[in-house]
Amino acid sequence: SLIVLIQNNLFAKEKYKLICNQQLLEESRKVLVNQIGTTEKTNNNDGEVEKYLKSVDLTKGMPYCAAGQYWCFEEARKQLGNNLINPLPKTGLANLIFNYAKGIGIASIYIAEIDDLIVWRKDNTAFGHIERVIKTGKAGWVETIAFNIKIPNSSKQGVYQVKRNLYYPLSRMKIRGLVGFIKE
């Protein structure tokens, strides 16, 4: 029926999985959790958050949601040994991470799992947002750790744990899909 068709088009999402060393994935989650509460100096993507930008060769003032996710894997890789491979491309663009996963990853069912990355896209641009799932719930609800967001009940911006739904837009951005991991 038409209602089912419309509903499927509204909620049809993609998920691709990248190969990642299990120990690296787990350590990157620890690094990620330890970043909660990191704030910007003047709410201009500056201060301590500049370390995320530097990890992907970007400068102060640039958005860092994707850079922060990359940085967590990179820090974990350094802690565990440089012979491990960061599964994410070195970029500050959330949608480039999704495109990368779509290009080399393995298509999977659109169900959120711990460590998945949710990717949103603003209209049909290259710009968007990315967050990492740390807890799954019912009816599409998940808890994530996000970089470069306004911290609730505060005037500060930085790294925070938030609740999201896999079927709802974020501001004016639509969910593009999930990037998951196959543990090796």
N, C-alpha and C. Protein backbone atom coordinates (compact mmCIF):
# COMPACT_ATOMS: atom_id res chain seq x y z
N SER A 1 0.84 -1.19 0.00
CA SER A 1 0.00 0.00 0.00
C SER A 1 0.88 1.25 0.00
N LEU A 2 0.26 2.37 -0.29
CA LEU A 2 0.98 3.63 -0.37
C LEU A 2 1.58 4.03 0.97
N ILE A 3 0.86 3.79 2.06
CA ILE A 3 1.36 4.14 3.39
C ILE A 3 2.64 3.36 3.70
N VAL A 4 2.67 2.08 3.39
CA VAL A 4 3.86 1.26 3.63
C VAL A 4 5.02 1.77 2.78
N LEU A 5 4.74 2.12 1.52
CA LEU A 5 5.77 2.63 0.63
C LEU A 5 6.35 3.94 1.17
N ILE A 6 5.50 4.85 1.58
CA ILE A 6 5.96 6.12 2.14
C ILE A 6 6.77 5.88 3.40
N GLN A 7 6.24 5.01 4.27
CA GLN A 7 6.95 4.72 5.53
C GLN A 7 8.31 4.12 5.26
N ASN A 8 8.40 3.19 4.33
CA ASN A 8 9.69 2.56 4.02
C ASN A 8 10.67 3.57 3.44
N ASN A 9 10.19 4.50 2.62
CA ASN A 9 11.09 5.52 2.07
C ASN A 9 11.57 6.48 3.15
N LEU A 10 10.71 6.80 4.09
CA LEU A 10 11.09 7.70 5.17
C LEU A 10 12.12 7.05 6.09
N PHE A 11 11.96 5.74 6.30
CA PHE A 11 12.79 5.07 7.29
C PHE A 11 13.83 4.13 6.71
N ALA A 12 13.91 4.05 5.38
CA ALA A 12 14.91 3.18 4.77
C ALA A 12 16.29 3.78 5.01
N LYS A 13 17.11 3.09 5.74
CA LYS A 13 18.46 3.57 6.06
C LYS A 13 19.46 2.48 5.70
N GLU A 14 20.70 2.90 5.58
CA GLU A 14 21.76 1.97 5.21
C GLU A 14 22.73 1.78 6.37
N LYS A 15 23.36 0.61 6.38
CA LYS A 15 24.41 0.34 7.37
C LYS A 15 25.50 -0.45 6.66
N TYR A 16 26.74 -0.02 6.92
CA TYR A 16 27.90 -0.71 6.37
C TYR A 16 28.88 -0.95 7.50
N LYS A 17 29.53 -2.12 7.47
CA LYS A 17 30.48 -2.47 8.52
C LYS A 17 31.91 -2.49 7.98
N LEU A 18 32.79 -1.89 8.77
CA LEU A 18 34.23 -1.89 8.48
C LEU A 18 34.92 -2.90 9.39
N ILE A 19 36.01 -3.47 8.93
CA ILE A 19 36.78 -4.40 9.75
C ILE A 19 37.60 -3.61 10.76
N CYS A 20 37.59 -4.06 12.00
CA CYS A 20 38.35 -3.38 13.05
C CYS A 20 38.85 -4.40 14.07
N ASN A 21 40.08 -4.25 14.47
CA ASN A 21 40.63 -5.08 15.54
C ASN A 21 39.77 -4.91 16.79
N GLN A 22 39.36 -6.02 17.40
CA GLN A 22 38.46 -5.97 18.56
C GLN A 22 39.05 -5.17 19.73
N GLN A 23 40.32 -5.39 20.01
CA GLN A 23 40.98 -4.68 21.11
C GLN A 23 41.02 -3.18 20.82
N LEU A 24 41.26 -2.81 19.58
CA LEU A 24 41.28 -1.41 19.18
C LEU A 24 39.89 -0.78 19.36
N LEU A 25 38.86 -1.51 18.95
CA LEU A 25 37.49 -1.00 19.09
C LEU A 25 37.14 -0.76 20.55
N GLU A 26 37.48 -1.72 21.40
CA GLU A 26 37.19 -1.59 22.83
C GLU A 26 37.99 -0.45 23.47
N GLU A 27 39.25 -0.34 23.12
CA GLU A 27 40.09 0.72 23.68
C GLU A 27 39.64 2.10 23.19
N SER A 28 39.21 2.17 21.94
CA SER A 28 38.74 3.46 21.41
C SER A 28 37.47 3.90 22.14
N ARG A 29 36.64 2.94 22.56
CA ARG A 29 35.44 3.28 23.35
C ARG A 29 35.84 3.85 24.70
N LYS A 30 36.87 3.29 25.33
CA LYS A 30 37.35 3.83 26.61
C LYS A 30 37.87 5.26 26.43
N VAL A 31 38.63 5.47 25.37
CA VAL A 31 39.15 6.81 25.07
C VAL A 31 37.98 7.77 24.86
N LEU A 32 36.98 7.32 24.11
CA LEU A 32 35.79 8.12 23.83
C LEU A 32 35.08 8.54 25.12
N VAL A 33 34.81 7.59 25.99
CA VAL A 33 34.09 7.86 27.24
C VAL A 33 34.88 8.87 28.09
N ASN A 34 36.20 8.76 28.06
CA ASN A 34 37.04 9.69 28.84
C ASN A 34 37.01 11.12 28.30
N GLN A 35 36.47 11.32 27.11
CA GLN A 35 36.39 12.67 26.53
C GLN A 35 35.12 13.42 26.95
N ILE A 36 34.15 12.70 27.53
CA ILE A 36 32.91 13.36 27.96
C ILE A 36 33.24 14.48 28.92
N GLY A 37 32.68 15.64 28.64
CA GLY A 37 32.93 16.80 29.50
C GLY A 37 34.01 17.73 28.97
N THR A 38 34.71 17.32 27.93
CA THR A 38 35.69 18.21 27.30
C THR A 38 34.91 19.35 26.65
N THR A 39 35.29 20.57 26.95
CA THR A 39 34.56 21.72 26.41
C THR A 39 35.47 22.65 25.63
N GLU A 40 34.82 23.45 24.81
CA GLU A 40 35.53 24.45 24.03
C GLU A 40 35.91 25.62 24.94
N LYS A 41 36.93 26.32 24.57
CA LYS A 41 37.39 27.46 25.37
C LYS A 41 36.41 28.63 25.27
N THR A 42 36.06 29.02 24.03
CA THR A 42 35.20 30.20 23.84
C THR A 42 33.97 29.88 22.98
N ASN A 43 33.59 28.60 22.88
CA ASN A 43 32.48 28.17 22.02
C ASN A 43 32.70 28.52 20.55
N ASN A 44 33.95 28.49 20.15
CA ASN A 44 34.32 28.72 18.74
C ASN A 44 35.18 27.58 18.21
N ASN A 45 34.87 26.36 18.63
CA ASN A 45 35.64 25.18 18.21
C ASN A 45 37.13 25.38 18.48
N ASP A 46 37.42 25.80 19.72
CA ASP A 46 38.80 26.09 20.11
C ASP A 46 39.10 25.51 21.49
N GLY A 47 40.34 25.68 21.91
CA GLY A 47 40.75 25.16 23.21
C GLY A 47 41.15 23.70 23.12
N GLU A 48 40.79 22.94 24.16
CA GLU A 48 41.20 21.53 24.22
C GLU A 48 40.70 20.71 23.03
N VAL A 49 39.59 21.11 22.43
CA VAL A 49 39.04 20.36 21.30
C VAL A 49 39.90 20.46 20.04
N GLU A 50 40.85 21.36 20.04
CA GLU A 50 41.72 21.51 18.87
C GLU A 50 42.56 20.26 18.62
N LYS A 51 42.76 19.42 19.65
CA LYS A 51 43.51 18.18 19.45
C LYS A 51 42.78 17.25 18.47
N TYR A 52 41.45 17.28 18.48
CA TYR A 52 40.69 16.46 17.53
C TYR A 52 40.91 16.96 16.11
N LEU A 53 40.85 18.27 15.95
CA LEU A 53 41.05 18.87 14.63
C LEU A 53 42.45 18.58 14.10
N LYS A 54 43.47 18.71 14.96
CA LYS A 54 44.85 18.47 14.55
C LYS A 54 45.05 17.04 14.06
N SER A 55 44.29 16.08 14.63
CA SER A 55 44.46 14.68 14.24
C SER A 55 44.07 14.42 12.79
N VAL A 56 43.26 15.31 12.21
CA VAL A 56 42.87 15.18 10.81
C VAL A 56 43.34 16.38 9.98
N ASP A 57 44.36 17.06 10.49
CA ASP A 57 45.00 18.18 9.78
C ASP A 57 44.06 19.36 9.53
N LEU A 58 43.16 19.63 10.48
CA LEU A 58 42.30 20.80 10.40
C LEU A 58 42.73 21.80 11.47
N THR A 59 42.27 23.02 11.33
CA THR A 59 42.69 24.08 12.25
C THR A 59 41.54 24.55 13.14
N LYS A 60 41.92 25.29 14.16
CA LYS A 60 41.00 25.87 15.13
C LYS A 60 39.81 26.53 14.41
N GLY A 61 38.63 26.29 14.98
CA GLY A 61 37.43 26.91 14.43
C GLY A 61 36.62 26.02 13.51
N MET A 62 37.21 24.94 13.03
CA MET A 62 36.50 24.02 12.13
C MET A 62 35.62 23.08 12.96
N PRO A 63 34.53 22.56 12.38
CA PRO A 63 33.72 21.56 13.08
C PRO A 63 34.56 20.31 13.38
N TYR A 64 34.31 19.66 14.51
CA TYR A 64 35.17 18.53 14.91
C TYR A 64 34.41 17.26 15.30
N CYS A 65 33.15 17.12 14.90
CA CYS A 65 32.42 15.90 15.29
C CYS A 65 33.08 14.64 14.73
N ALA A 66 33.44 14.66 13.45
CA ALA A 66 34.07 13.49 12.83
C ALA A 66 35.53 13.37 13.27
N ALA A 67 36.21 14.50 13.40
CA ALA A 67 37.60 14.49 13.85
C ALA A 67 37.72 13.84 15.23
N GLY A 68 36.76 14.12 16.10
CA GLY A 68 36.77 13.54 17.44
C GLY A 68 36.64 12.03 17.40
N GLN A 69 35.78 11.52 16.52
CA GLN A 69 35.61 10.06 16.41
C GLN A 69 36.91 9.43 15.88
N TYR A 70 37.51 10.04 14.87
CA TYR A 70 38.78 9.55 14.33
C TYR A 70 39.85 9.57 15.42
N TRP A 71 39.92 10.68 16.16
CA TRP A 71 40.94 10.86 17.21
C TRP A 71 40.87 9.74 18.24
N CYS A 72 39.68 9.31 18.62
CA CYS A 72 39.54 8.24 19.62
C CYS A 72 40.19 6.94 19.14
N PHE A 73 39.96 6.59 17.88
CA PHE A 73 40.59 5.39 17.32
C PHE A 73 42.10 5.58 17.23
N GLU A 74 42.52 6.77 16.85
CA GLU A 74 43.95 7.03 16.69
C GLU A 74 44.67 6.97 18.04
N GLU A 75 44.07 7.54 19.08
CA GLU A 75 44.66 7.48 20.42
C GLU A 75 44.73 6.04 20.92
N ALA A 76 43.68 5.28 20.69
CA ALA A 76 43.68 3.86 21.09
C ALA A 76 44.76 3.09 20.35
N ARG A 77 44.91 3.39 19.06
CA ARG A 77 45.93 2.74 18.23
C ARG A 77 47.33 3.03 18.78
N LYS A 78 47.56 4.27 19.17
CA LYS A 78 48.86 4.65 19.73
C LYS A 78 49.12 3.93 21.05
N GLN A 79 48.09 3.80 21.86
CA GLN A 79 48.23 3.13 23.16
C GLN A 79 48.49 1.64 23.01
N LEU A 80 47.87 1.02 22.01
CA LEU A 80 47.98 -0.43 21.83
C LEU A 80 49.15 -0.84 20.95
N GLY A 81 49.62 0.07 20.15
CA GLY A 81 50.72 -0.26 19.23
C GLY A 81 50.40 0.21 17.84
N ASN A 82 51.35 0.91 17.26
CA ASN A 82 51.13 1.54 15.96
C ASN A 82 50.94 0.55 14.81
N ASN A 83 51.08 -0.75 15.08
CA ASN A 83 50.89 -1.72 14.00
C ASN A 83 49.41 -1.94 13.68
N LEU A 84 48.50 -1.46 14.57
CA LEU A 84 47.07 -1.59 14.32
C LEU A 84 46.62 -0.52 13.34
N ILE A 85 45.50 -0.81 12.65
CA ILE A 85 45.01 0.11 11.63
C ILE A 85 43.75 0.81 12.12
N ASN A 86 43.76 2.15 12.03
CA ASN A 86 42.57 2.93 12.34
C ASN A 86 41.54 2.61 11.25
N PRO A 87 40.33 2.14 11.62
CA PRO A 87 39.36 1.75 10.60
C PRO A 87 38.71 2.94 9.88
N LEU A 88 38.84 4.14 10.45
CA LEU A 88 38.21 5.32 9.86
C LEU A 88 39.19 6.09 8.98
N PRO A 89 38.67 6.69 7.94
CA PRO A 89 39.54 7.55 7.12
C PRO A 89 39.88 8.81 7.89
N LYS A 90 41.02 9.39 7.60
CA LYS A 90 41.49 10.60 8.27
C LYS A 90 40.77 11.80 7.66
N THR A 91 39.64 12.17 8.28
CA THR A 91 38.82 13.25 7.74
C THR A 91 38.02 13.95 8.83
N GLY A 92 37.63 15.16 8.54
CA GLY A 92 36.74 15.90 9.43
C GLY A 92 35.31 15.91 8.92
N LEU A 93 35.03 15.19 7.85
CA LEU A 93 33.69 15.14 7.28
C LEU A 93 32.98 13.84 7.62
N ALA A 94 31.87 13.95 8.34
CA ALA A 94 31.08 12.77 8.72
C ALA A 94 30.64 11.97 7.50
N ASN A 95 30.19 12.66 6.47
CA ASN A 95 29.69 11.96 5.29
C ASN A 95 30.78 11.30 4.47
N LEU A 96 32.01 11.77 4.59
CA LEU A 96 33.11 11.08 3.94
C LEU A 96 33.36 9.73 4.63
N ILE A 97 33.19 9.70 5.96
CA ILE A 97 33.30 8.43 6.70
C ILE A 97 32.23 7.46 6.21
N PHE A 98 31.00 7.97 6.05
CA PHE A 98 29.92 7.10 5.56
C PHE A 98 30.22 6.62 4.13
N ASN A 99 30.64 7.53 3.26
CA ASN A 99 30.97 7.15 1.87
C ASN A 99 32.07 6.09 1.84
N TYR A 100 33.07 6.26 2.68
CA TYR A 100 34.17 5.30 2.78
C TYR A 100 33.64 3.92 3.16
N ALA A 101 32.79 3.88 4.21
CA ALA A 101 32.22 2.61 4.66
C ALA A 101 31.35 1.99 3.57
N LYS A 102 30.60 2.81 2.89
CA LYS A 102 29.74 2.31 1.81
C LYS A 102 30.58 1.74 0.67
N GLY A 103 31.73 2.35 0.43
CA GLY A 103 32.60 1.91 -0.66
C GLY A 103 33.35 0.62 -0.38
N ILE A 104 33.84 0.45 0.87
CA ILE A 104 34.65 -0.74 1.16
C ILE A 104 34.06 -1.66 2.22
N GLY A 105 33.00 -1.19 2.89
CA GLY A 105 32.41 -1.97 3.98
C GLY A 105 31.45 -3.05 3.48
N ILE A 106 30.92 -3.78 4.42
CA ILE A 106 29.98 -4.85 4.12
C ILE A 106 28.59 -4.38 4.51
N ALA A 107 27.65 -4.42 3.55
CA ALA A 107 26.27 -4.00 3.82
C ALA A 107 25.68 -4.87 4.92
N SER A 108 24.89 -4.25 5.78
CA SER A 108 24.35 -4.94 6.93
C SER A 108 22.94 -4.43 7.21
N ILE A 109 22.23 -5.11 8.07
CA ILE A 109 20.87 -4.72 8.45
C ILE A 109 20.94 -3.45 9.31
N TYR A 110 20.01 -2.55 9.08
CA TYR A 110 19.96 -1.27 9.79
C TYR A 110 19.41 -1.46 11.21
N ILE A 111 20.26 -1.97 12.05
CA ILE A 111 19.96 -2.13 13.48
C ILE A 111 21.18 -1.60 14.22
N ALA A 112 20.94 -0.71 15.16
CA ALA A 112 22.06 -0.11 15.90
C ALA A 112 22.68 -1.10 16.87
N GLU A 113 24.00 -1.07 16.92
CA GLU A 113 24.77 -1.87 17.87
C GLU A 113 25.74 -0.94 18.59
N ILE A 114 26.22 -1.38 19.74
CA ILE A 114 27.23 -0.62 20.47
C ILE A 114 28.42 -0.38 19.52
N ASP A 115 28.95 0.81 19.54
CA ASP A 115 30.09 1.26 18.73
C ASP A 115 29.74 1.71 17.33
N ASP A 116 28.49 1.53 16.89
CA ASP A 116 28.10 2.04 15.58
C ASP A 116 28.21 3.56 15.56
N LEU A 117 28.48 4.09 14.40
CA LEU A 117 28.49 5.54 14.19
C LEU A 117 27.22 5.91 13.42
N ILE A 118 26.47 6.87 13.94
CA ILE A 118 25.29 7.38 13.25
C ILE A 118 25.74 8.60 12.44
N VAL A 119 25.35 8.62 11.17
CA VAL A 119 25.74 9.73 10.30
C VAL A 119 24.49 10.45 9.79
N TRP A 120 24.48 11.77 9.99
CA TRP A 120 23.42 12.64 9.47
C TRP A 120 23.99 13.46 8.32
N ARG A 121 23.10 13.91 7.41
CA ARG A 121 23.54 14.77 6.31
C ARG A 121 22.61 15.95 6.18
N LYS A 122 23.20 17.11 5.96
CA LYS A 122 22.43 18.33 5.74
C LYS A 122 22.08 18.42 4.27
N ASP A 123 20.79 18.31 3.97
CA ASP A 123 20.28 18.34 2.59
C ASP A 123 21.12 17.40 1.73
N ASN A 124 21.53 17.83 0.56
CA ASN A 124 22.37 17.00 -0.31
C ASN A 124 23.79 17.53 -0.36
N THR A 125 24.26 18.02 0.78
CA THR A 125 25.62 18.57 0.84
C THR A 125 26.58 17.51 1.38
N ALA A 126 27.84 17.87 1.46
CA ALA A 126 28.85 16.98 2.06
C ALA A 126 28.85 17.12 3.58
N PHE A 127 28.09 18.08 4.09
CA PHE A 127 28.13 18.39 5.52
C PHE A 127 27.10 17.60 6.31
N GLY A 128 27.43 17.36 7.57
CA GLY A 128 26.52 16.62 8.43
C GLY A 128 27.06 16.51 9.84
N HIS A 129 26.77 15.40 10.47
CA HIS A 129 27.16 15.18 11.85
C HIS A 129 27.32 13.67 12.07
N ILE A 130 28.12 13.30 13.09
CA ILE A 130 28.37 11.89 13.39
C ILE A 130 28.49 11.72 14.90
N GLU A 131 27.93 10.63 15.42
CA GLU A 131 28.01 10.30 16.84
C GLU A 131 28.19 8.79 16.98
N ARG A 132 28.74 8.36 18.13
CA ARG A 132 28.99 6.93 18.36
C ARG A 132 28.02 6.38 19.39
N VAL A 133 27.40 5.27 19.05
CA VAL A 133 26.43 4.61 19.93
C VAL A 133 27.16 3.91 21.06
N ILE A 134 26.71 4.18 22.30
CA ILE A 134 27.29 3.49 23.45
C ILE A 134 26.24 2.66 24.20
N LYS A 135 24.96 2.84 23.84
CA LYS A 135 23.89 2.06 24.47
C LYS A 135 22.70 2.03 23.52
N THR A 136 22.09 0.84 23.37
CA THR A 136 20.92 0.72 22.51
C THR A 136 19.68 0.53 23.37
N GLY A 137 18.55 0.98 22.83
CA GLY A 137 17.27 0.85 23.54
C GLY A 137 16.21 0.34 22.58
N LYS A 138 14.96 0.62 22.91
CA LYS A 138 13.82 0.16 22.10
C LYS A 138 13.35 1.25 21.16
N ALA A 139 12.66 0.84 20.11
CA ALA A 139 12.01 1.74 19.16
C ALA A 139 12.98 2.75 18.52
N GLY A 140 14.22 2.33 18.29
CA GLY A 140 15.20 3.18 17.63
C GLY A 140 15.97 4.12 18.54
N TRP A 141 15.70 4.08 19.84
CA TRP A 141 16.40 4.97 20.77
C TRP A 141 17.77 4.42 21.12
N VAL A 142 18.75 5.31 21.11
CA VAL A 142 20.13 4.96 21.46
C VAL A 142 20.72 6.09 22.30
N GLU A 143 21.80 5.77 23.01
CA GLU A 143 22.60 6.80 23.67
C GLU A 143 23.91 6.87 22.92
N THR A 144 24.37 8.08 22.70
CA THR A 144 25.59 8.29 21.93
C THR A 144 26.53 9.21 22.67
N ILE A 145 27.76 9.24 22.21
CA ILE A 145 28.71 10.26 22.63
C ILE A 145 29.00 11.08 21.39
N ALA A 146 28.77 12.40 21.54
CA ALA A 146 28.88 13.32 20.43
C ALA A 146 29.94 14.38 20.71
N PHE A 147 30.67 14.72 19.67
CA PHE A 147 31.63 15.82 19.70
C PHE A 147 30.98 17.02 19.01
N ASN A 148 31.37 18.23 19.44
CA ASN A 148 30.93 19.46 18.79
C ASN A 148 29.42 19.69 18.91
N ILE A 149 28.90 19.50 20.13
CA ILE A 149 27.49 19.79 20.36
C ILE A 149 27.34 20.74 21.54
N LYS A 150 26.18 21.40 21.59
CA LYS A 150 25.87 22.24 22.73
C LYS A 150 25.53 21.31 23.89
N ILE A 151 26.16 21.52 25.01
CA ILE A 151 25.92 20.68 26.17
C ILE A 151 24.60 21.12 26.81
N PRO A 152 23.65 20.17 26.97
CA PRO A 152 22.34 20.52 27.54
C PRO A 152 22.46 21.23 28.89
N ASN A 153 21.57 22.18 29.11
CA ASN A 153 21.51 22.95 30.35
C ASN A 153 22.82 23.70 30.64
N SER A 154 23.49 24.12 29.59
CA SER A 154 24.77 24.81 29.73
C SER A 154 24.94 25.78 28.56
N SER A 155 25.82 26.73 28.72
CA SER A 155 26.14 27.63 27.60
C SER A 155 27.37 27.12 26.85
N LYS A 156 27.92 25.99 27.31
CA LYS A 156 29.15 25.46 26.73
C LYS A 156 28.87 24.48 25.59
N GLN A 157 29.90 24.28 24.75
CA GLN A 157 29.87 23.28 23.69
C GLN A 157 31.06 22.35 23.88
N GLY A 158 30.91 21.11 23.42
CA GLY A 158 32.00 20.17 23.56
C GLY A 158 31.56 18.74 23.32
N VAL A 159 32.00 17.84 24.22
CA VAL A 159 31.75 16.40 24.09
C VAL A 159 30.76 16.00 25.17
N TYR A 160 29.71 15.30 24.76
CA TYR A 160 28.65 14.98 25.71
C TYR A 160 27.93 13.70 25.31
N GLN A 161 27.29 13.08 26.28
CA GLN A 161 26.47 11.89 26.04
C GLN A 161 25.02 12.34 25.86
N VAL A 162 24.39 11.88 24.78
CA VAL A 162 23.02 12.29 24.46
C VAL A 162 22.17 11.11 24.02
N LYS A 163 20.83 11.31 24.01
CA LYS A 163 19.89 10.31 23.49
C LYS A 163 19.45 10.75 22.11
N ARG A 164 19.40 9.79 21.19
CA ARG A 164 18.97 10.05 19.82
C ARG A 164 18.03 8.93 19.39
N ASN A 165 17.27 9.19 18.31
CA ASN A 165 16.45 8.15 17.72
C ASN A 165 16.89 7.95 16.28
N LEU A 166 17.06 6.68 15.91
CA LEU A 166 17.57 6.33 14.58
C LEU A 166 16.60 6.62 13.45
N TYR A 167 15.39 7.08 13.77
CA TYR A 167 14.39 7.34 12.74
C TYR A 167 13.99 8.82 12.67
N TYR A 168 14.65 9.67 13.44
CA TYR A 168 14.30 11.08 13.46
C TYR A 168 15.47 11.95 13.02
N PRO A 169 15.15 13.04 12.32
CA PRO A 169 16.22 13.96 11.92
C PRO A 169 16.85 14.64 13.13
N LEU A 170 17.99 15.22 12.92
CA LEU A 170 18.68 16.01 13.94
C LEU A 170 18.72 17.44 13.42
N SER A 171 17.92 18.30 14.02
CA SER A 171 17.77 19.66 13.52
C SER A 171 17.29 19.56 12.07
N ARG A 172 18.04 20.11 11.14
CA ARG A 172 17.63 20.03 9.73
C ARG A 172 18.38 18.94 8.97
N MET A 173 19.02 18.06 9.69
CA MET A 173 19.79 17.00 9.05
C MET A 173 19.05 15.67 9.13
N LYS A 174 19.08 14.93 8.01
CA LYS A 174 18.45 13.61 7.96
C LYS A 174 19.50 12.54 8.21
N ILE A 175 19.07 11.46 8.84
CA ILE A 175 19.99 10.34 9.06
C ILE A 175 20.28 9.69 7.72
N ARG A 176 21.54 9.50 7.48
CA ARG A 176 21.99 8.84 6.26
C ARG A 176 22.15 7.35 6.49
N GLY A 177 22.67 6.99 7.67
CA GLY A 177 22.85 5.58 7.97
C GLY A 177 23.82 5.35 9.11
N LEU A 178 24.20 4.10 9.24
CA LEU A 178 25.12 3.68 10.31
C LEU A 178 26.40 3.12 9.71
N VAL A 179 27.48 3.33 10.43
CA VAL A 179 28.76 2.67 10.12
C VAL A 179 29.07 1.80 11.32
N GLY A 180 29.12 0.50 11.09
CA GLY A 180 29.41 -0.45 12.15
C GLY A 180 30.78 -1.08 11.95
N PHE A 181 31.05 -2.06 12.79
CA PHE A 181 32.38 -2.70 12.76
C PHE A 181 32.27 -4.21 12.86
N ILE A 182 33.08 -4.89 12.08
CA ILE A 182 33.27 -6.34 12.19
C ILE A 182 34.54 -6.53 12.98
N LYS A 183 34.41 -7.18 14.13
CA LYS A 183 35.58 -7.36 15.00
C LYS A 183 36.44 -8.50 14.51
N GLU A 184 37.73 -8.23 14.40
CA GLU A 184 38.66 -9.30 13.98
C GLU A 184 39.65 -9.59 15.07
